[in-house]
Amino acid sequence: MKKSFILPLIFLALFISCKKDNITPENNVPPTTTPTYKEKDRNALYGLMKDWYFWYNDLPAITLTDYKDPYELMDALRYKPKDRWSFVADYDAFVASMQGSFVGHGIRIGLDTQGNARIGMIYNNSPLYTNGAGGPGVRRGWIIKKLNGQDLAPILISRDATAYNNLIGASTAGVTNTFIFQTPRGNDTTAVSTKSGFQVNSVTLYDTLTINTVKTGHLVFDEFIEPSSDELATAFAFFKAQNVKDLILDLRYNTGGILNVATELASYIAGTPTFSTPFIKSSYNDKKTINDTTYNFISIASPLNLSRLVVITTRETASASEEVINGLKPHLALTTIGDTTNGKPTGMNVFQTTDNKYIFAPVTFELVNSLGDGNFYAGFVPAKYVTDDITHDFRDKNELCFKEAIYFLTNGSVSSKGGYTFNKSKQFSEKPEWMKNMFILNKSMINR
């Protein structure tokens, strides 16, 4: 028996009962030898896609034996005009990610407008954050002048992911890299960092500021995973105690996660008046309409009574993050600034193979808000395009996105056009690509 896990990369805190679905291998190709586990799971994936996949009517005609494993088959079956997300993942790696377990340096690297490689984000438990470079640790905005003796900027400029991955090495504990950083004070400093396993923080920071006498919350939120529930509870208890009335929600690098957690975040923001009213609604293919579901806002400790919400977004803002935006739009004044979002109005059921080798996560449903608005495959366009300013830390009021959010809350409108040039840059993250998703997840899979 395969286990079906409903988890739209937003973690809904009401758990959907676990469905157990037989995923039977396809029999249209008689084996000439005993099939390997890869071949068995490949065949099982094909049967699953023909039954659960949202675009099952558009699956191509294929010969199973042309594909050696589920990874190759999923790439062949994905409905390319719309589906950029359906994935196959290693079971243990997927479970570890949902629990917040991470192996690496815990950094995101990007280019600034001057062509310098800089730290775009760093987890609090990263070795570089806690004791890097002989001081208090590396932070967002630090320039990386050299990585293992090589100039990193040209690799980022060429967007050569292969060269980058070869230089920084595998995401394996024990891999050591030598960084030469330029600190904000202009000093060069060397840090030798060994990749290790640690627990990530999904709340990068939370604090408050006062704008026009109004207490405003500021939350930088990185991903919707299991530990996020406790982190969000702490942040919103603080906001509630501070009587926060406006909120700047920074989702610029948040690529999605568990539906339950997304519902929790939306419920904190929407506040008590929306309790038990629709947040988002899912619709499956015509074989699975019995699974169509309305997800309501939930009763939660420390709900806010917000007047306005400003969300900072980039092309990395995907899936669960976009559903929080879309689901909140009917309920309060919401403005986005930054860049157009990823454009993923879909979610997945997550299936575990019986041999615990793979996770199958095909797109199985689309989502709309309480007004029926969805279909945002082109993403949400911001009220103002603003560069992701990796030269400054998130709470620095000179950071361009944060500065624009403050301007909007101060003046009630975005700043005039032409104040600065909007720039995009390729960034390299240690997160797996399949994290850009929203899934329905059954708790029993994670706590096996």
Foldseek 3Di string as FASTA:
>chain_A
DKKWFFFFLAALPPADDIDDDDQAFDDPDPDPDPDDPQLRVLRSVVSVCCQFFQVNVPFDDDDSVVDRGNQVSCVNGAPPVFDPFWGKDFLVVVLCVLQQKFWFQQFKWWAFPVQFIWTQAGFCPGPQCPQWQNDRHDGFQKTFCDKQRHGCSVCQVVVPPVVVCVRRDDSDFFRKIKTWIQDPVRDTTIGIGTIDIDGGDQWRDKDWDAAPNAIEIETEGAGRHDVVVVVVVVRLVVCLVVQHAEYEYEHAQYLGRGNSNLLQVLLLALDDVQAPPFQKWKAFHPSPRVPTDTDGRHDDPRRHNYAEYEYEYAQNQAGSSVSSVQSCVVRHHYFYEAAFYVADQFAWIWMADPVSGMIGTHTGIGMHYPVRDGNRNVGDGGLYHWEQRSNDHPPPCVGTRNVQVSVCVNPVHGDDPPPDDHDDGDMDDPDDPSSNTTGRGHPVSSVD
